[in-house]
C-alpha cells in the first residue's frame, strides 16, 4: 500500500509511514476496529497536527525537481544571479512575496525552475504561481494564481 504514495517522494519516510498507518486506521475504523488491535507500529504522537497541512502544501511537497533543474541554479548568468538574493531573505526567515519581472529573452524561463530548485533543495515550500496559463505551465508544479489560491473573480457586466 505504501507504493500508492509515490507523489510524496519529497516528504520524509516517517511522514509517509504515519500517513499509511493513518489511512489503515481509517479503513479499520469503518469496520469498527482500530490499529491498536493489530501488531502494527503506532501512529506517531503529533501526526494529526501534521495532517492539518493544507492540500496546497502537500501538493507542493509532492513536486520533485529534476537533476537538470537542480544543476541550473549553478549556471545562472550575472543578471539572473541577482534574483538569488531572494534566498537571503528566505534564509533569514523574512516572510515576503517576490515577483520576477523582465523583458523578453532575458532568461526568466530558465531562472524560475533554477530558483524553485534552489529553494526546494534548501527544504523550503515554494508556491509557484503565474498570472497566465502559459506562464503557469512553464513553472514546475506551477498554476495560475487564482486557481491555486481559489481566488474568486467576479465580473460585472459592462454596457457599451
C-alpha atoms as a PDB file:
ATOM      1  CA  UNK A   1       0.000   0.000   0.000  1.00  0.00           C
ATOM      2  CA  UNK A   2       2.889   2.377   0.660  1.00  0.00           C
ATOM      3  CA  UNK A   3       3.720   2.298  -3.065  1.00  0.00           C
ATOM      4  CA  UNK A   4       0.447   4.185  -3.548  1.00  0.00           C
ATOM      5  CA  UNK A   5       2.173   7.289  -2.192  1.00  0.00           C
ATOM      6  CA  UNK A   6       4.825   7.943  -4.877  1.00  0.00           C
ATOM      7  CA  UNK A   7       3.888  11.620  -5.073  1.00  0.00           C
ATOM      8  CA  UNK A   8       5.148  12.065  -1.530  1.00  0.00           C
ATOM      9  CA  UNK A   9       8.764  11.367  -2.515  1.00  0.00           C
ATOM     10  CA  UNK A  10       9.987  14.681  -1.080  1.00  0.00           C
ATOM     11  CA  UNK A  11       8.424  14.002   2.310  1.00  0.00           C
ATOM     12  CA  UNK A  12      10.433  12.103   4.905  1.00  0.00           C
ATOM     13  CA  UNK A  13       9.868   8.390   5.488  1.00  0.00           C
ATOM     14  CA  UNK A  14       8.377   8.921   8.953  1.00  0.00           C
ATOM     15  CA  UNK A  15       5.644  11.105   7.458  1.00  0.00           C
ATOM     16  CA  UNK A  16       4.922   8.507   4.745  1.00  0.00           C
ATOM     17  CA  UNK A  17       4.769   5.680   7.310  1.00  0.00           C
ATOM     18  CA  UNK A  18       2.446   7.702   9.557  1.00  0.00           C
ATOM     19  CA  UNK A  19       0.242   8.608   6.602  1.00  0.00           C
ATOM     20  CA  UNK A  20      -0.016   4.919   5.704  1.00  0.00           C
ATOM     21  CA  UNK A  21      -0.822   3.949   9.301  1.00  0.00           C
ATOM     22  CA  UNK A  22      -3.383   6.750   9.495  1.00  0.00           C
ATOM     23  CA  UNK A  23      -5.060   5.539   6.292  1.00  0.00           C
ATOM     24  CA  UNK A  24      -5.071   1.913   7.501  1.00  0.00           C
ATOM     25  CA  UNK A  25      -6.589   3.047  10.801  1.00  0.00           C
ATOM     26  CA  UNK A  26      -9.268   4.974   8.908  1.00  0.00           C
ATOM     27  CA  UNK A  27     -10.229   1.833   6.959  1.00  0.00           C
ATOM     28  CA  UNK A  28     -10.216  -0.247  10.144  1.00  0.00           C
ATOM     29  CA  UNK A  29     -12.449   2.275  11.932  1.00  0.00           C
ATOM     30  CA  UNK A  30     -15.030   1.880   9.177  1.00  0.00           C
ATOM     31  CA  UNK A  31     -15.192  -1.756  10.286  1.00  0.00           C
ATOM     32  CA  UNK A  32     -15.306  -0.887  13.988  1.00  0.00           C
ATOM     33  CA  UNK A  33     -11.671  -1.867  14.561  1.00  0.00           C
ATOM     34  CA  UNK A  34      -8.531   0.157  15.336  1.00  0.00           C
ATOM     35  CA  UNK A  35      -4.862  -0.104  14.520  1.00  0.00           C
ATOM     36  CA  UNK A  36      -4.144  -0.782  18.211  1.00  0.00           C
ATOM     37  CA  UNK A  37      -5.787  -4.221  17.850  1.00  0.00           C
ATOM     38  CA  UNK A  38      -3.065  -5.385  15.459  1.00  0.00           C
ATOM     39  CA  UNK A  39       0.671  -5.932  15.676  1.00  0.00           C
ATOM     40  CA  UNK A  40       1.457  -2.718  13.791  1.00  0.00           C
ATOM     41  CA  UNK A  41       3.521   0.325  14.726  1.00  0.00           C
ATOM     42  CA  UNK A  42       1.538   3.068  16.379  1.00  0.00           C
ATOM     43  CA  UNK A  43       0.933   6.417  14.706  1.00  0.00           C
ATOM     44  CA  UNK A  44       3.492   8.938  15.983  1.00  0.00           C
ATOM     45  CA  UNK A  45       2.261  11.379  18.583  1.00  0.00           C
ATOM     46  CA  UNK A  46       1.519  14.720  16.953  1.00  0.00           C
ATOM     47  CA  UNK A  47       0.986  13.244  13.486  1.00  0.00           C
ATOM     48  CA  UNK A  48      -2.579  14.525  13.414  1.00  0.00           C
ATOM     49  CA  UNK A  49      -1.153  18.032  13.624  1.00  0.00           C
ATOM     50  CA  UNK A  50       0.890  17.297  10.513  1.00  0.00           C
ATOM     51  CA  UNK A  51      -2.263  16.066   8.762  1.00  0.00           C
ATOM     52  CA  UNK A  52      -3.558  19.619   9.015  1.00  0.00           C
ATOM     53  CA  UNK A  53      -1.148  20.631   6.240  1.00  0.00           C
ATOM     54  CA  UNK A  54      -3.326  22.044   3.518  1.00  0.00           C
ATOM     55  CA  UNK A  55      -3.709  20.245   0.228  1.00  0.00           C
ATOM     56  CA  UNK A  56      -1.810  23.090  -1.440  1.00  0.00           C
ATOM     57  CA  UNK A  57       1.249  22.494   0.739  1.00  0.00           C
ATOM     58  CA  UNK A  58       1.003  18.715   0.326  1.00  0.00           C
ATOM     59  CA  UNK A  59       0.853  19.199  -3.448  1.00  0.00           C
ATOM     60  CA  UNK A  60       3.964  21.389  -3.336  1.00  0.00           C
ATOM     61  CA  UNK A  61       5.827  18.791  -1.284  1.00  0.00           C
ATOM     62  CA  UNK A  62       4.983  16.159  -3.894  1.00  0.00           C
ATOM     63  CA  UNK A  63       6.659  18.026  -6.772  1.00  0.00           C
ATOM     64  CA  UNK A  64      10.135  16.653  -7.345  1.00  0.00           C
ATOM     65  CA  UNK A  65      12.895  18.581  -9.048  1.00  0.00           C
ATOM     66  CA  UNK A  66      14.952  17.006 -11.822  1.00  0.00           C
ATOM     67  CA  UNK A  67      18.744  16.871 -11.715  1.00  0.00           C
ATOM     68  CA  UNK A  68      18.807  19.402 -14.577  1.00  0.00           C
ATOM     69  CA  UNK A  69      16.698  21.836 -12.555  1.00  0.00           C
ATOM     70  CA  UNK A  70      18.941  21.393  -9.519  1.00  0.00           C
ATOM     71  CA  UNK A  71      22.042  21.929 -11.685  1.00  0.00           C
ATOM     72  CA  UNK A  72      20.571  25.011 -13.370  1.00  0.00           C
ATOM     73  CA  UNK A  73      20.895  27.048 -10.170  1.00  0.00           C
ATOM     74  CA  UNK A  74      24.685  26.743 -10.521  1.00  0.00           C
ATOM     75  CA  UNK A  75      24.888  28.072 -14.082  1.00  0.00           C
ATOM     76  CA  UNK A  76      22.842  31.272 -13.962  1.00  0.00           C
ATOM     77  CA  UNK A  77      24.154  34.444 -15.607  1.00  0.00           C
ATOM     78  CA  UNK A  78      25.057  37.651 -13.735  1.00  0.00           C
ATOM     79  CA  UNK A  79      21.602  39.208 -14.165  1.00  0.00           C
ATOM     80  CA  UNK A  80      19.891  36.026 -13.012  1.00  0.00           C
ATOM     81  CA  UNK A  81      22.245  35.731 -10.054  1.00  0.00           C
ATOM     82  CA  UNK A  82      20.766  38.971  -8.683  1.00  0.00           C
ATOM     83  CA  UNK A  83      17.479  37.108  -8.240  1.00  0.00           C
ATOM     84  CA  UNK A  84      19.189  34.658  -5.935  1.00  0.00           C
ATOM     85  CA  UNK A  85      19.432  37.476  -3.369  1.00  0.00           C
ATOM     86  CA  UNK A  86      15.825  36.487  -2.657  1.00  0.00           C
ATOM     87  CA  UNK A  87      17.234  33.405  -0.982  1.00  0.00           C
ATOM     88  CA  UNK A  88      18.905  35.566   1.679  1.00  0.00           C
ATOM     89  CA  UNK A  89      15.528  36.908   2.805  1.00  0.00           C
ATOM     90  CA  UNK A  90      14.159  33.384   2.955  1.00  0.00           C
ATOM     91  CA  UNK A  91      17.127  32.006   4.879  1.00  0.00           C
ATOM     92  CA  UNK A  92      16.738  34.866   7.381  1.00  0.00           C
ATOM     93  CA  UNK A  93      13.091  33.817   7.843  1.00  0.00           C
ATOM     94  CA  UNK A  94      11.586  37.035   6.460  1.00  0.00           C
ATOM     95  CA  UNK A  95       8.083  36.377   5.151  1.00  0.00           C
ATOM     96  CA  UNK A  96       7.676  38.008   1.780  1.00  0.00           C
ATOM     97  CA  UNK A  97       6.222  37.754  -1.690  1.00  0.00           C
ATOM     98  CA  UNK A  98       8.634  38.059  -4.597  1.00  0.00           C
ATOM     99  CA  UNK A  99       7.987  38.913  -8.223  1.00  0.00           C
ATOM    100  CA  UNK A 100      10.484  38.352 -11.008  1.00  0.00           C
ATOM    101  CA  UNK A 101       9.878  40.596 -13.981  1.00  0.00           C
ATOM    102  CA  UNK A 102      11.911  41.488 -17.017  1.00  0.00           C
ATOM    103  CA  UNK A 103      11.823  41.964 -20.774  1.00  0.00           C
ATOM    104  CA  UNK A 104      11.664  39.045 -23.170  1.00  0.00           C
ATOM    105  CA  UNK A 105      14.740  36.952 -23.910  1.00  0.00           C
ATOM    106  CA  UNK A 106      16.419  37.684 -20.572  1.00  0.00           C
ATOM    107  CA  UNK A 107      16.308  34.089 -19.316  1.00  0.00           C
ATOM    108  CA  UNK A 108      13.294  34.207 -16.984  1.00  0.00           C
ATOM    109  CA  UNK A 109      12.047  30.811 -18.216  1.00  0.00           C
ATOM    110  CA  UNK A 110      15.417  29.315 -17.224  1.00  0.00           C
ATOM    111  CA  UNK A 111      15.555  31.298 -13.984  1.00  0.00           C
ATOM    112  CA  UNK A 112      12.227  30.200 -12.482  1.00  0.00           C
ATOM    113  CA  UNK A 113      12.986  26.453 -12.285  1.00  0.00           C
ATOM    114  CA  UNK A 114      16.503  27.288 -11.041  1.00  0.00           C
ATOM    115  CA  UNK A 115      15.095  29.425  -8.200  1.00  0.00           C
ATOM    116  CA  UNK A 116      12.447  26.838  -7.338  1.00  0.00           C
ATOM    117  CA  UNK A 117      15.016  24.015  -7.300  1.00  0.00           C
ATOM    118  CA  UNK A 118      17.356  26.073  -5.123  1.00  0.00           C
ATOM    119  CA  UNK A 119      14.646  26.773  -2.543  1.00  0.00           C
ATOM    120  CA  UNK A 120      13.226  23.245  -2.565  1.00  0.00           C
ATOM    121  CA  UNK A 121      16.740  21.846  -2.189  1.00  0.00           C
ATOM    122  CA  UNK A 122      17.037  24.005   0.956  1.00  0.00           C
ATOM    123  CA  UNK A 123      13.831  22.423   2.296  1.00  0.00           C
ATOM    124  CA  UNK A 124      11.564  25.394   1.553  1.00  0.00           C
ATOM    125  CA  UNK A 125       7.970  25.061   0.401  1.00  0.00           C
ATOM    126  CA  UNK A 126       7.507  27.128  -2.742  1.00  0.00           C
ATOM    127  CA  UNK A 127       4.113  28.052  -4.180  1.00  0.00           C
ATOM    128  CA  UNK A 128       4.877  28.751  -7.839  1.00  0.00           C
ATOM    129  CA  UNK A 129       2.150  30.839  -9.447  1.00  0.00           C
ATOM    130  CA  UNK A 130       1.739  32.989 -12.520  1.00  0.00           C
ATOM    131  CA  UNK A 131      -0.866  35.370 -13.866  1.00  0.00           C
ATOM    132  CA  UNK A 132      -1.462  33.478 -17.097  1.00  0.00           C
ATOM    133  CA  UNK A 133      -1.927  29.845 -18.030  1.00  0.00           C
ATOM    134  CA  UNK A 134       1.061  29.767 -20.356  1.00  0.00           C
ATOM    135  CA  UNK A 135       3.398  31.149 -17.700  1.00  0.00           C
ATOM    136  CA  UNK A 136       1.929  28.779 -15.117  1.00  0.00           C
ATOM    137  CA  UNK A 137       2.676  25.806 -17.349  1.00  0.00           C
ATOM    138  CA  UNK A 138       6.339  26.815 -17.561  1.00  0.00           C
ATOM    139  CA  UNK A 139       6.818  26.520 -13.799  1.00  0.00           C
ATOM    140  CA  UNK A 140       7.460  23.121 -12.192  1.00  0.00           C
ATOM    141  CA  UNK A 141       4.167  22.474 -10.396  1.00  0.00           C
ATOM    142  CA  UNK A 142       3.037  25.951 -11.386  1.00  0.00           C
ATOM    143  CA  UNK A 143      -0.532  27.118 -11.599  1.00  0.00           C
ATOM    144  CA  UNK A 144      -2.420  30.299 -12.272  1.00  0.00           C
ATOM    145  CA  UNK A 145      -2.634  32.280  -9.004  1.00  0.00           C
ATOM    146  CA  UNK A 146      -6.429  32.474  -8.903  1.00  0.00           C
ATOM    147  CA  UNK A 147      -6.666  28.682  -9.354  1.00  0.00           C
ATOM    148  CA  UNK A 148      -4.032  27.741  -6.785  1.00  0.00           C
ATOM    149  CA  UNK A 149      -5.360  30.073  -4.101  1.00  0.00           C
ATOM    150  CA  UNK A 150      -9.031  29.658  -5.083  1.00  0.00           C
ATOM    151  CA  UNK A 151      -9.452  33.381  -5.684  1.00  0.00           C
ATOM    152  CA  UNK A 152     -12.956  34.164  -6.892  1.00  0.00           C
ATOM    153  CA  UNK A 153     -13.027  36.586  -9.771  1.00  0.00           C
ATOM    154  CA  UNK A 154     -16.329  38.397 -10.099  1.00  0.00           C
ATOM    155  CA  UNK A 155     -17.115  40.017 -13.389  1.00  0.00           C
ATOM    156  CA  UNK A 156     -19.507  42.928 -13.649  1.00  0.00           C
ATOM    157  CA  UNK A 157     -21.436  43.272 -16.878  1.00  0.00           C
ATOM    158  CA  UNK A 158     -20.438  46.372 -18.785  1.00  0.00           C
ATOM    159  CA  UNK A 159     -22.660  48.409 -21.027  1.00  0.00           C
ATOM    160  CA  UNK A 160     -21.190  49.635 -24.251  1.00  0.00           C
END
